[in-house]
Amino acid sequence: MNRRRVWVLSLLSGVLFLVGCAGVKVQDYADVQPTFDPIAFFNGELVAEGLVQNRSGEVTRHFVATIDAYWDEERGVLDEVFLFSDGEESERYWEFTRTGPNTWTGTAGDVVGESRLVHAGNAIQMRYRLSVPLSSGRNVVLDMDDWLYQVSDQTLINETVMRKFGFRVGKLILTIRKLD
């Protein structure tokens, strides 16, 4: 075999290996209890507490957020107010629309385009692009891979990996609890 053919076969094998090792899918949680129901969970007052990590895992700040949630068969709203440990306050107003039995699309003021929310079993996955302000006054757009896991009737645990140009630049870890 010539070198070019060996190189092409090696490259192809590597690509196939990586594709075969693709990540977890939300459907992998279809049988896990408790079953997530956005209409039941996202109605009323919620509180989120969490932290932000940089790309090396160092905690850079933490936060508390209050969330007013309203959800029905076709539409959902999450009105979020964040207070960060460095004094920053920010708001995000999510609007979701049902697109299928376990799928929704969502929009918010700092989200570029639409988010897609999919749920199965106790898991939710949202993917979206978020415009994040920098201290320089400019914004950077990050790719967000957001996973939420319902662990009880009252609590979700959330992990969000943030990427830029495919490279991990940070992570959010938080809990969301129902207050009523």
N, C-alpha and C. Protein backbone atom coordinates (compact mmCIF):
# COMPACT_ATOMS: atom_id res chain seq x y z
N MET A 1 0.83 -1.18 0.00
CA MET A 1 0.00 0.00 0.00
C MET A 1 0.88 1.25 0.00
N ASN A 2 0.48 2.23 -0.79
CA ASN A 2 1.29 3.43 -0.81
C ASN A 2 0.96 4.31 0.41
N ARG A 3 1.84 5.26 0.67
CA ARG A 3 1.69 6.13 1.86
C ARG A 3 0.39 6.92 1.86
N ARG A 4 0.02 7.41 0.70
CA ARG A 4 -1.22 8.21 0.62
C ARG A 4 -2.43 7.38 1.03
N ARG A 5 -2.50 6.16 0.54
CA ARG A 5 -3.63 5.28 0.86
C ARG A 5 -3.65 4.97 2.36
N VAL A 6 -2.49 4.69 2.95
CA VAL A 6 -2.40 4.43 4.39
C VAL A 6 -2.86 5.66 5.17
N TRP A 7 -2.40 6.83 4.74
CA TRP A 7 -2.79 8.08 5.42
C TRP A 7 -4.29 8.29 5.35
N VAL A 8 -4.89 8.11 4.18
CA VAL A 8 -6.34 8.29 4.00
C VAL A 8 -7.10 7.28 4.85
N LEU A 9 -6.69 6.02 4.85
CA LEU A 9 -7.36 5.00 5.66
C LEU A 9 -7.23 5.31 7.15
N SER A 10 -6.07 5.78 7.58
CA SER A 10 -5.88 6.15 8.98
C SER A 10 -6.79 7.31 9.37
N LEU A 11 -6.84 8.32 8.51
CA LEU A 11 -7.70 9.48 8.76
C LEU A 11 -9.17 9.06 8.83
N LEU A 12 -9.60 8.24 7.90
CA LEU A 12 -10.98 7.76 7.86
C LEU A 12 -11.30 6.95 9.11
N SER A 13 -10.39 6.10 9.54
CA SER A 13 -10.60 5.30 10.75
C SER A 13 -10.74 6.20 11.97
N GLY A 14 -9.91 7.22 12.05
CA GLY A 14 -9.98 8.16 13.17
C GLY A 14 -11.30 8.90 13.20
N VAL A 15 -11.76 9.35 12.05
CA VAL A 15 -13.05 10.06 11.98
C VAL A 15 -14.18 9.13 12.39
N LEU A 16 -14.18 7.90 11.88
CA LEU A 16 -15.22 6.94 12.25
C LEU A 16 -15.19 6.63 13.73
N PHE A 17 -14.01 6.53 14.33
CA PHE A 17 -13.89 6.29 15.76
C PHE A 17 -14.50 7.44 16.55
N LEU A 18 -14.17 8.67 16.15
CA LEU A 18 -14.72 9.84 16.85
C LEU A 18 -16.23 9.93 16.71
N VAL A 19 -16.75 9.64 15.54
CA VAL A 19 -18.20 9.66 15.34
C VAL A 19 -18.85 8.59 16.21
N GLY A 20 -18.22 7.43 16.30
CA GLY A 20 -18.74 6.34 17.13
C GLY A 20 -18.72 6.68 18.61
N CYS A 21 -17.88 7.59 19.01
CA CYS A 21 -17.80 8.00 20.41
C CYS A 21 -18.61 9.26 20.67
N ALA A 22 -19.57 9.55 19.80
CA ALA A 22 -20.37 10.75 19.97
C ALA A 22 -21.00 10.76 21.35
N GLY A 23 -21.31 11.96 21.83
CA GLY A 23 -21.79 12.15 23.18
C GLY A 23 -23.14 11.54 23.48
N VAL A 24 -23.55 11.76 24.70
CA VAL A 24 -24.82 11.28 25.21
C VAL A 24 -25.95 12.02 24.52
N LYS A 25 -27.03 11.32 24.27
CA LYS A 25 -28.23 11.90 23.67
C LYS A 25 -29.31 11.98 24.75
N VAL A 26 -30.17 12.97 24.66
CA VAL A 26 -31.22 13.13 25.66
C VAL A 26 -32.11 11.88 25.70
N GLN A 27 -32.28 11.20 24.58
CA GLN A 27 -33.11 10.00 24.54
C GLN A 27 -32.52 8.87 25.40
N ASP A 28 -31.22 8.95 25.72
CA ASP A 28 -30.61 7.94 26.59
C ASP A 28 -31.23 7.95 27.98
N TYR A 29 -31.94 9.03 28.34
CA TYR A 29 -32.56 9.17 29.67
C TYR A 29 -34.06 8.89 29.65
N ALA A 30 -34.58 8.36 28.57
CA ALA A 30 -36.03 8.19 28.39
C ALA A 30 -36.69 7.40 29.53
N ASP A 31 -35.99 6.45 30.12
CA ASP A 31 -36.59 5.62 31.17
C ASP A 31 -36.21 6.05 32.58
N VAL A 32 -35.51 7.17 32.73
CA VAL A 32 -35.05 7.61 34.04
C VAL A 32 -36.16 8.43 34.72
N GLN A 33 -36.38 8.13 35.98
CA GLN A 33 -37.39 8.82 36.78
C GLN A 33 -36.72 9.83 37.70
N PRO A 34 -37.39 10.90 38.14
CA PRO A 34 -38.76 11.25 37.80
C PRO A 34 -38.84 11.83 36.39
N THR A 35 -39.93 11.58 35.71
CA THR A 35 -40.11 12.09 34.36
C THR A 35 -40.32 13.60 34.40
N PHE A 36 -39.52 14.30 33.61
CA PHE A 36 -39.63 15.76 33.55
C PHE A 36 -40.91 16.18 32.84
N ASP A 37 -41.62 17.10 33.45
CA ASP A 37 -42.82 17.68 32.86
C ASP A 37 -42.69 19.20 32.97
N PRO A 38 -42.39 19.91 31.86
CA PRO A 38 -42.18 21.35 31.96
C PRO A 38 -43.40 22.09 32.48
N ILE A 39 -44.60 21.61 32.17
CA ILE A 39 -45.82 22.28 32.63
C ILE A 39 -45.93 22.21 34.14
N ALA A 40 -45.57 21.07 34.73
CA ALA A 40 -45.64 20.93 36.18
C ALA A 40 -44.48 21.65 36.88
N PHE A 41 -43.26 21.52 36.33
CA PHE A 41 -42.10 22.09 37.03
C PHE A 41 -42.00 23.61 36.85
N PHE A 42 -42.17 24.10 35.64
CA PHE A 42 -41.95 25.52 35.35
C PHE A 42 -43.23 26.34 35.50
N ASN A 43 -43.85 26.25 36.65
CA ASN A 43 -44.99 27.09 36.97
C ASN A 43 -44.83 27.60 38.38
N GLY A 44 -44.76 28.91 38.53
CA GLY A 44 -44.59 29.50 39.85
C GLY A 44 -43.21 30.09 40.03
N GLU A 45 -42.86 30.28 41.30
CA GLU A 45 -41.56 30.89 41.63
C GLU A 45 -40.51 29.81 41.81
N LEU A 46 -39.34 30.09 41.22
CA LEU A 46 -38.19 29.19 41.32
C LEU A 46 -36.99 29.99 41.76
N VAL A 47 -36.01 29.32 42.33
CA VAL A 47 -34.73 29.97 42.65
C VAL A 47 -33.61 29.09 42.10
N ALA A 48 -32.61 29.73 41.53
CA ALA A 48 -31.43 29.03 41.02
C ALA A 48 -30.21 29.54 41.78
N GLU A 49 -29.31 28.63 42.11
CA GLU A 49 -28.05 28.99 42.74
C GLU A 49 -26.95 28.23 42.03
N GLY A 50 -25.87 28.95 41.69
CA GLY A 50 -24.84 28.27 40.94
C GLY A 50 -23.53 29.00 40.89
N LEU A 51 -22.65 28.47 40.05
CA LEU A 51 -21.31 29.03 39.92
C LEU A 51 -20.88 29.00 38.47
N VAL A 52 -19.90 29.84 38.18
CA VAL A 52 -19.32 29.94 36.84
C VAL A 52 -17.86 29.52 36.94
N GLN A 53 -17.44 28.63 36.04
CA GLN A 53 -16.05 28.20 35.98
C GLN A 53 -15.42 28.66 34.67
N ASN A 54 -14.12 28.98 34.72
CA ASN A 54 -13.41 29.29 33.48
C ASN A 54 -12.98 27.99 32.82
N ARG A 55 -12.24 28.08 31.73
CA ARG A 55 -11.89 26.87 30.96
C ARG A 55 -11.02 25.89 31.74
N SER A 56 -10.28 26.36 32.75
CA SER A 56 -9.45 25.44 33.53
C SER A 56 -10.18 24.89 34.74
N GLY A 57 -11.45 25.27 34.94
CA GLY A 57 -12.24 24.75 36.06
C GLY A 57 -12.24 25.64 37.29
N GLU A 58 -11.50 26.75 37.26
CA GLU A 58 -11.48 27.66 38.40
C GLU A 58 -12.83 28.39 38.51
N VAL A 59 -13.39 28.43 39.72
CA VAL A 59 -14.64 29.16 39.94
C VAL A 59 -14.32 30.65 39.90
N THR A 60 -14.97 31.37 38.99
CA THR A 60 -14.71 32.80 38.83
C THR A 60 -15.75 33.66 39.54
N ARG A 61 -16.96 33.13 39.71
CA ARG A 61 -17.99 33.82 40.47
C ARG A 61 -19.17 32.89 40.68
N HIS A 62 -20.05 33.28 41.58
CA HIS A 62 -21.26 32.50 41.82
C HIS A 62 -22.46 33.44 41.75
N PHE A 63 -23.66 32.88 41.78
CA PHE A 63 -24.86 33.70 41.58
C PHE A 63 -26.09 33.07 42.23
N VAL A 64 -27.10 33.91 42.38
CA VAL A 64 -28.44 33.50 42.77
C VAL A 64 -29.37 34.12 41.73
N ALA A 65 -30.38 33.37 41.31
CA ALA A 65 -31.35 33.89 40.35
C ALA A 65 -32.75 33.58 40.83
N THR A 66 -33.64 34.54 40.64
CA THR A 66 -35.06 34.28 40.86
C THR A 66 -35.70 34.10 39.49
N ILE A 67 -36.64 33.19 39.43
CA ILE A 67 -37.28 32.86 38.15
C ILE A 67 -38.79 32.81 38.37
N ASP A 68 -39.51 33.63 37.62
CA ASP A 68 -40.97 33.52 37.57
C ASP A 68 -41.28 32.70 36.33
N ALA A 69 -41.95 31.57 36.52
CA ALA A 69 -42.19 30.64 35.42
C ALA A 69 -43.68 30.44 35.20
N TYR A 70 -44.06 30.42 33.93
CA TYR A 70 -45.44 30.19 33.53
C TYR A 70 -45.41 29.27 32.32
N TRP A 71 -46.10 28.16 32.38
CA TRP A 71 -46.03 27.17 31.31
C TRP A 71 -47.40 26.55 31.11
N ASP A 72 -47.79 26.32 29.85
CA ASP A 72 -49.01 25.57 29.55
C ASP A 72 -48.71 24.60 28.42
N GLU A 73 -49.74 24.04 27.81
CA GLU A 73 -49.55 23.01 26.79
C GLU A 73 -48.78 23.48 25.55
N GLU A 74 -48.86 24.77 25.23
CA GLU A 74 -48.27 25.25 23.99
C GLU A 74 -47.16 26.29 24.16
N ARG A 75 -47.06 26.90 25.35
CA ARG A 75 -46.16 28.05 25.51
C ARG A 75 -45.56 28.05 26.92
N GLY A 76 -44.33 28.54 27.03
CA GLY A 76 -43.69 28.67 28.32
C GLY A 76 -42.91 29.97 28.41
N VAL A 77 -42.84 30.51 29.63
CA VAL A 77 -42.09 31.74 29.89
C VAL A 77 -41.25 31.53 31.14
N LEU A 78 -39.97 31.91 31.07
CA LEU A 78 -39.08 31.96 32.23
C LEU A 78 -38.53 33.37 32.32
N ASP A 79 -38.92 34.10 33.36
CA ASP A 79 -38.47 35.47 33.59
C ASP A 79 -37.40 35.40 34.68
N GLU A 80 -36.13 35.51 34.28
CA GLU A 80 -35.00 35.27 35.18
C GLU A 80 -34.29 36.57 35.54
N VAL A 81 -33.94 36.71 36.83
CA VAL A 81 -33.14 37.84 37.30
C VAL A 81 -31.95 37.26 38.07
N PHE A 82 -30.73 37.55 37.59
CA PHE A 82 -29.50 37.01 38.17
C PHE A 82 -28.79 38.08 38.99
N LEU A 83 -28.27 37.71 40.15
CA LEU A 83 -27.41 38.56 40.96
C LEU A 83 -26.11 37.79 41.18
N PHE A 84 -25.00 38.31 40.60
CA PHE A 84 -23.70 37.65 40.67
C PHE A 84 -22.90 38.16 41.86
N SER A 85 -21.95 37.35 42.33
CA SER A 85 -21.13 37.68 43.49
C SER A 85 -20.27 38.92 43.28
N ASP A 86 -20.01 39.30 42.03
CA ASP A 86 -19.22 40.51 41.77
C ASP A 86 -20.10 41.75 41.64
N GLY A 87 -21.40 41.61 41.93
CA GLY A 87 -22.32 42.75 41.90
C GLY A 87 -23.09 42.90 40.61
N GLU A 88 -22.73 42.18 39.56
CA GLU A 88 -23.46 42.30 38.30
C GLU A 88 -24.88 41.76 38.46
N GLU A 89 -25.83 42.46 37.88
CA GLU A 89 -27.21 41.99 37.78
C GLU A 89 -27.55 41.85 36.31
N SER A 90 -28.24 40.78 35.97
CA SER A 90 -28.68 40.62 34.58
C SER A 90 -30.04 39.94 34.56
N GLU A 91 -30.73 40.13 33.45
CA GLU A 91 -32.07 39.56 33.29
C GLU A 91 -32.12 38.81 31.96
N ARG A 92 -32.93 37.76 31.95
CA ARG A 92 -33.19 37.03 30.71
C ARG A 92 -34.66 36.63 30.73
N TYR A 93 -35.34 36.91 29.64
CA TYR A 93 -36.76 36.58 29.51
C TYR A 93 -36.91 35.58 28.39
N TRP A 94 -37.08 34.31 28.75
CA TRP A 94 -37.23 33.23 27.78
C TRP A 94 -38.70 33.07 27.40
N GLU A 95 -38.95 32.84 26.11
CA GLU A 95 -40.27 32.45 25.63
C GLU A 95 -40.11 31.16 24.83
N PHE A 96 -40.87 30.13 25.21
CA PHE A 96 -40.80 28.82 24.56
C PHE A 96 -42.12 28.52 23.87
N THR A 97 -42.01 27.84 22.73
CA THR A 97 -43.18 27.39 21.97
C THR A 97 -43.02 25.91 21.67
N ARG A 98 -44.08 25.14 21.93
CA ARG A 98 -44.04 23.69 21.67
C ARG A 98 -43.93 23.44 20.16
N THR A 99 -43.02 22.51 19.79
CA THR A 99 -42.87 22.11 18.39
C THR A 99 -43.14 20.63 18.19
N GLY A 100 -43.33 19.89 19.28
CA GLY A 100 -43.60 18.46 19.21
C GLY A 100 -43.87 17.93 20.60
N PRO A 101 -44.08 16.62 20.75
CA PRO A 101 -44.42 16.06 22.06
C PRO A 101 -43.38 16.34 23.14
N ASN A 102 -42.10 16.32 22.81
CA ASN A 102 -41.03 16.56 23.78
C ASN A 102 -40.05 17.62 23.31
N THR A 103 -40.50 18.51 22.43
CA THR A 103 -39.59 19.53 21.90
C THR A 103 -40.24 20.91 21.94
N TRP A 104 -39.38 21.90 22.14
CA TRP A 104 -39.79 23.30 22.21
C TRP A 104 -38.71 24.13 21.54
N THR A 105 -39.06 25.31 21.02
CA THR A 105 -38.06 26.28 20.62
C THR A 105 -38.17 27.45 21.59
N GLY A 106 -37.04 28.10 21.83
CA GLY A 106 -37.03 29.21 22.77
C GLY A 106 -36.27 30.39 22.23
N THR A 107 -36.69 31.58 22.66
CA THR A 107 -35.98 32.81 22.32
C THR A 107 -35.80 33.64 23.58
N ALA A 108 -34.77 34.46 23.57
CA ALA A 108 -34.51 35.42 24.64
C ALA A 108 -33.70 36.56 24.03
N GLY A 109 -33.69 37.71 24.69
CA GLY A 109 -33.03 38.89 24.14
C GLY A 109 -31.56 38.72 23.85
N ASP A 110 -30.84 37.94 24.65
CA ASP A 110 -29.40 37.76 24.43
C ASP A 110 -29.07 36.44 23.74
N VAL A 111 -30.09 35.73 23.28
CA VAL A 111 -29.88 34.49 22.54
C VAL A 111 -29.90 34.80 21.05
N VAL A 112 -28.88 34.34 20.35
CA VAL A 112 -28.76 34.56 18.91
C VAL A 112 -29.55 33.46 18.21
N GLY A 113 -30.62 33.83 17.51
CA GLY A 113 -31.47 32.83 16.87
C GLY A 113 -32.37 32.18 17.89
N GLU A 114 -32.61 30.88 17.71
CA GLU A 114 -33.50 30.13 18.60
C GLU A 114 -32.73 29.05 19.34
N SER A 115 -33.25 28.72 20.51
CA SER A 115 -32.78 27.57 21.25
C SER A 115 -33.71 26.40 20.96
N ARG A 116 -33.17 25.21 21.01
CA ARG A 116 -34.00 24.02 20.86
C ARG A 116 -33.94 23.26 22.17
N LEU A 117 -35.10 23.02 22.77
CA LEU A 117 -35.20 22.27 24.02
C LEU A 117 -35.82 20.92 23.69
N VAL A 118 -35.15 19.85 24.13
CA VAL A 118 -35.65 18.49 23.96
C VAL A 118 -35.62 17.82 25.32
N HIS A 119 -36.67 17.08 25.66
CA HIS A 119 -36.63 16.36 26.92
C HIS A 119 -37.09 14.91 26.76
N ALA A 120 -36.51 14.06 27.59
CA ALA A 120 -36.86 12.64 27.63
C ALA A 120 -36.52 12.15 29.03
N GLY A 121 -37.42 11.39 29.63
CA GLY A 121 -37.20 10.92 30.99
C GLY A 121 -37.01 12.10 31.91
N ASN A 122 -35.93 12.10 32.68
CA ASN A 122 -35.68 13.21 33.61
C ASN A 122 -34.75 14.28 33.04
N ALA A 123 -34.38 14.17 31.77
CA ALA A 123 -33.35 15.06 31.21
C ALA A 123 -33.92 16.05 30.20
N ILE A 124 -33.26 17.20 30.17
CA ILE A 124 -33.57 18.26 29.20
C ILE A 124 -32.23 18.66 28.59
N GLN A 125 -32.22 18.86 27.28
CA GLN A 125 -31.04 19.43 26.64
C GLN A 125 -31.47 20.64 25.83
N MET A 126 -30.75 21.73 26.02
CA MET A 126 -30.96 22.94 25.22
C MET A 126 -29.63 23.31 24.59
N ARG A 127 -29.68 23.65 23.32
CA ARG A 127 -28.50 24.17 22.62
C ARG A 127 -28.87 25.52 22.04
N TYR A 128 -27.98 26.48 22.24
CA TYR A 128 -28.24 27.81 21.73
C TYR A 128 -26.95 28.61 21.71
N ARG A 129 -27.01 29.78 21.07
CA ARG A 129 -25.88 30.70 21.00
C ARG A 129 -26.23 31.91 21.84
N LEU A 130 -25.35 32.27 22.77
CA LEU A 130 -25.61 33.35 23.72
C LEU A 130 -24.62 34.49 23.50
N SER A 131 -25.14 35.70 23.40
CA SER A 131 -24.31 36.89 23.27
C SER A 131 -23.97 37.38 24.69
N VAL A 132 -22.68 37.31 25.03
CA VAL A 132 -22.21 37.63 26.38
C VAL A 132 -21.40 38.92 26.35
N PRO A 133 -21.77 39.93 27.18
CA PRO A 133 -21.00 41.18 27.20
C PRO A 133 -19.65 40.99 27.89
N LEU A 134 -18.62 41.63 27.33
CA LEU A 134 -17.28 41.63 27.91
C LEU A 134 -17.04 42.95 28.62
N SER A 135 -16.05 43.00 29.49
CA SER A 135 -15.73 44.23 30.21
C SER A 135 -15.28 45.34 29.26
N SER A 136 -14.83 44.97 28.07
CA SER A 136 -14.39 45.96 27.08
C SER A 136 -15.56 46.69 26.42
N GLY A 137 -16.79 46.21 26.70
CA GLY A 137 -17.96 46.80 26.07
C GLY A 137 -18.40 46.04 24.83
N ARG A 138 -17.57 45.14 24.35
CA ARG A 138 -17.94 44.30 23.21
C ARG A 138 -18.68 43.06 23.70
N ASN A 139 -19.28 42.33 22.78
CA ASN A 139 -19.94 41.07 23.10
C ASN A 139 -19.22 39.93 22.40
N VAL A 140 -19.28 38.76 22.99
CA VAL A 140 -18.78 37.54 22.38
C VAL A 140 -19.96 36.57 22.33
N VAL A 141 -20.07 35.82 21.24
CA VAL A 141 -21.14 34.84 21.10
C VAL A 141 -20.58 33.46 21.43
N LEU A 142 -21.20 32.80 22.41
CA LEU A 142 -20.76 31.48 22.85
C LEU A 142 -21.80 30.43 22.49
N ASP A 143 -21.34 29.23 22.17
CA ASP A 143 -22.22 28.09 21.95
C ASP A 143 -22.47 27.43 23.30
N MET A 144 -23.76 27.30 23.65
CA MET A 144 -24.15 26.77 24.95
C MET A 144 -24.74 25.37 24.77
N ASP A 145 -24.24 24.41 25.53
CA ASP A 145 -24.80 23.06 25.57
C ASP A 145 -25.29 22.86 27.00
N ASP A 146 -26.59 22.99 27.17
CA ASP A 146 -27.26 23.11 28.46
C ASP A 146 -27.98 21.80 28.78
N TRP A 147 -27.62 21.14 29.88
CA TRP A 147 -28.26 19.90 30.32
C TRP A 147 -28.87 20.12 31.70
N LEU A 148 -30.14 19.77 31.83
CA LEU A 148 -30.84 19.84 33.11
C LEU A 148 -31.37 18.46 33.44
N TYR A 149 -31.26 18.08 34.71
CA TYR A 149 -31.72 16.77 35.16
C TYR A 149 -32.65 16.96 36.34
N GLN A 150 -33.89 16.49 36.22
CA GLN A 150 -34.81 16.58 37.35
C GLN A 150 -34.47 15.45 38.31
N VAL A 151 -34.15 15.80 39.56
CA VAL A 151 -33.75 14.81 40.55
C VAL A 151 -34.83 14.59 41.60
N SER A 152 -35.81 15.50 41.67
CA SER A 152 -36.97 15.33 42.55
C SER A 152 -38.09 16.20 41.99
N ASP A 153 -39.26 16.12 42.61
CA ASP A 153 -40.37 16.96 42.16
C ASP A 153 -40.05 18.45 42.29
N GLN A 154 -39.10 18.78 43.16
CA GLN A 154 -38.80 20.17 43.48
C GLN A 154 -37.47 20.68 42.94
N THR A 155 -36.63 19.81 42.35
CA THR A 155 -35.25 20.21 42.05
C THR A 155 -34.75 19.72 40.69
N LEU A 156 -34.11 20.65 39.96
CA LEU A 156 -33.34 20.34 38.75
C LEU A 156 -31.88 20.65 39.03
N ILE A 157 -30.98 19.84 38.47
CA ILE A 157 -29.55 20.15 38.49
C ILE A 157 -29.16 20.45 37.05
N ASN A 158 -28.40 21.53 36.84
CA ASN A 158 -28.09 22.03 35.51
C ASN A 158 -26.57 22.14 35.34
N GLU A 159 -26.08 21.67 34.18
CA GLU A 159 -24.69 21.86 33.79
C GLU A 159 -24.68 22.39 32.37
N THR A 160 -24.01 23.50 32.16
CA THR A 160 -23.92 24.11 30.84
C THR A 160 -22.46 24.27 30.46
N VAL A 161 -22.08 23.68 29.33
CA VAL A 161 -20.72 23.85 28.81
C VAL A 161 -20.77 24.96 27.76
N MET A 162 -19.84 25.92 27.89
CA MET A 162 -19.75 27.06 26.97
C MET A 162 -18.55 26.85 26.07
N ARG A 163 -18.78 27.05 24.75
CA ARG A 163 -17.70 26.87 23.78
C ARG A 163 -17.61 28.07 22.85
N LYS A 164 -16.40 28.30 22.36
CA LYS A 164 -16.14 29.29 21.32
C LYS A 164 -15.23 28.62 20.30
N PHE A 165 -15.61 28.66 19.02
CA PHE A 165 -14.87 27.99 17.95
C PHE A 165 -14.64 26.51 18.27
N GLY A 166 -15.59 25.88 18.97
CA GLY A 166 -15.49 24.47 19.31
C GLY A 166 -14.68 24.16 20.56
N PHE A 167 -14.01 25.16 21.13
CA PHE A 167 -13.18 24.95 22.31
C PHE A 167 -13.96 25.34 23.57
N ARG A 168 -13.85 24.51 24.59
CA ARG A 168 -14.52 24.79 25.86
C ARG A 168 -13.88 26.01 26.53
N VAL A 169 -14.70 27.00 26.85
CA VAL A 169 -14.19 28.22 27.50
C VAL A 169 -14.73 28.41 28.91
N GLY A 170 -15.70 27.58 29.31
CA GLY A 170 -16.23 27.70 30.66
C GLY A 170 -17.39 26.76 30.88
N LYS A 171 -17.89 26.82 32.11
CA LYS A 171 -19.00 25.96 32.49
C LYS A 171 -19.81 26.64 33.59
N LEU A 172 -21.12 26.40 33.56
CA LEU A 172 -22.04 26.81 34.63
C LEU A 172 -22.56 25.55 35.30
N ILE A 173 -22.64 25.56 36.61
CA ILE A 173 -23.26 24.48 37.36
C ILE A 173 -24.24 25.13 38.33
N LEU A 174 -25.49 24.64 38.34
CA LEU A 174 -26.49 25.25 39.21
C LEU A 174 -27.59 24.27 39.56
N THR A 175 -28.35 24.65 40.57
CA THR A 175 -29.59 23.93 40.92
C THR A 175 -30.73 24.91 40.72
N ILE A 176 -31.88 24.37 40.36
CA ILE A 176 -33.11 25.16 40.27
C ILE A 176 -34.12 24.46 41.18
N ARG A 177 -34.69 25.23 42.13
CA ARG A 177 -35.65 24.67 43.07
C ARG A 177 -36.97 25.41 43.00
N LYS A 178 -38.07 24.66 43.11
CA LYS A 178 -39.40 25.27 43.19
C LYS A 178 -39.58 25.84 44.59
N LEU A 179 -40.19 27.01 44.67
CA LEU A 179 -40.42 27.62 45.98
C LEU A 179 -41.85 27.41 46.51
N ASP A 180 -42.79 27.07 45.63
CA ASP A 180 -44.18 26.92 46.12
C ASP A 180 -44.56 25.48 46.31
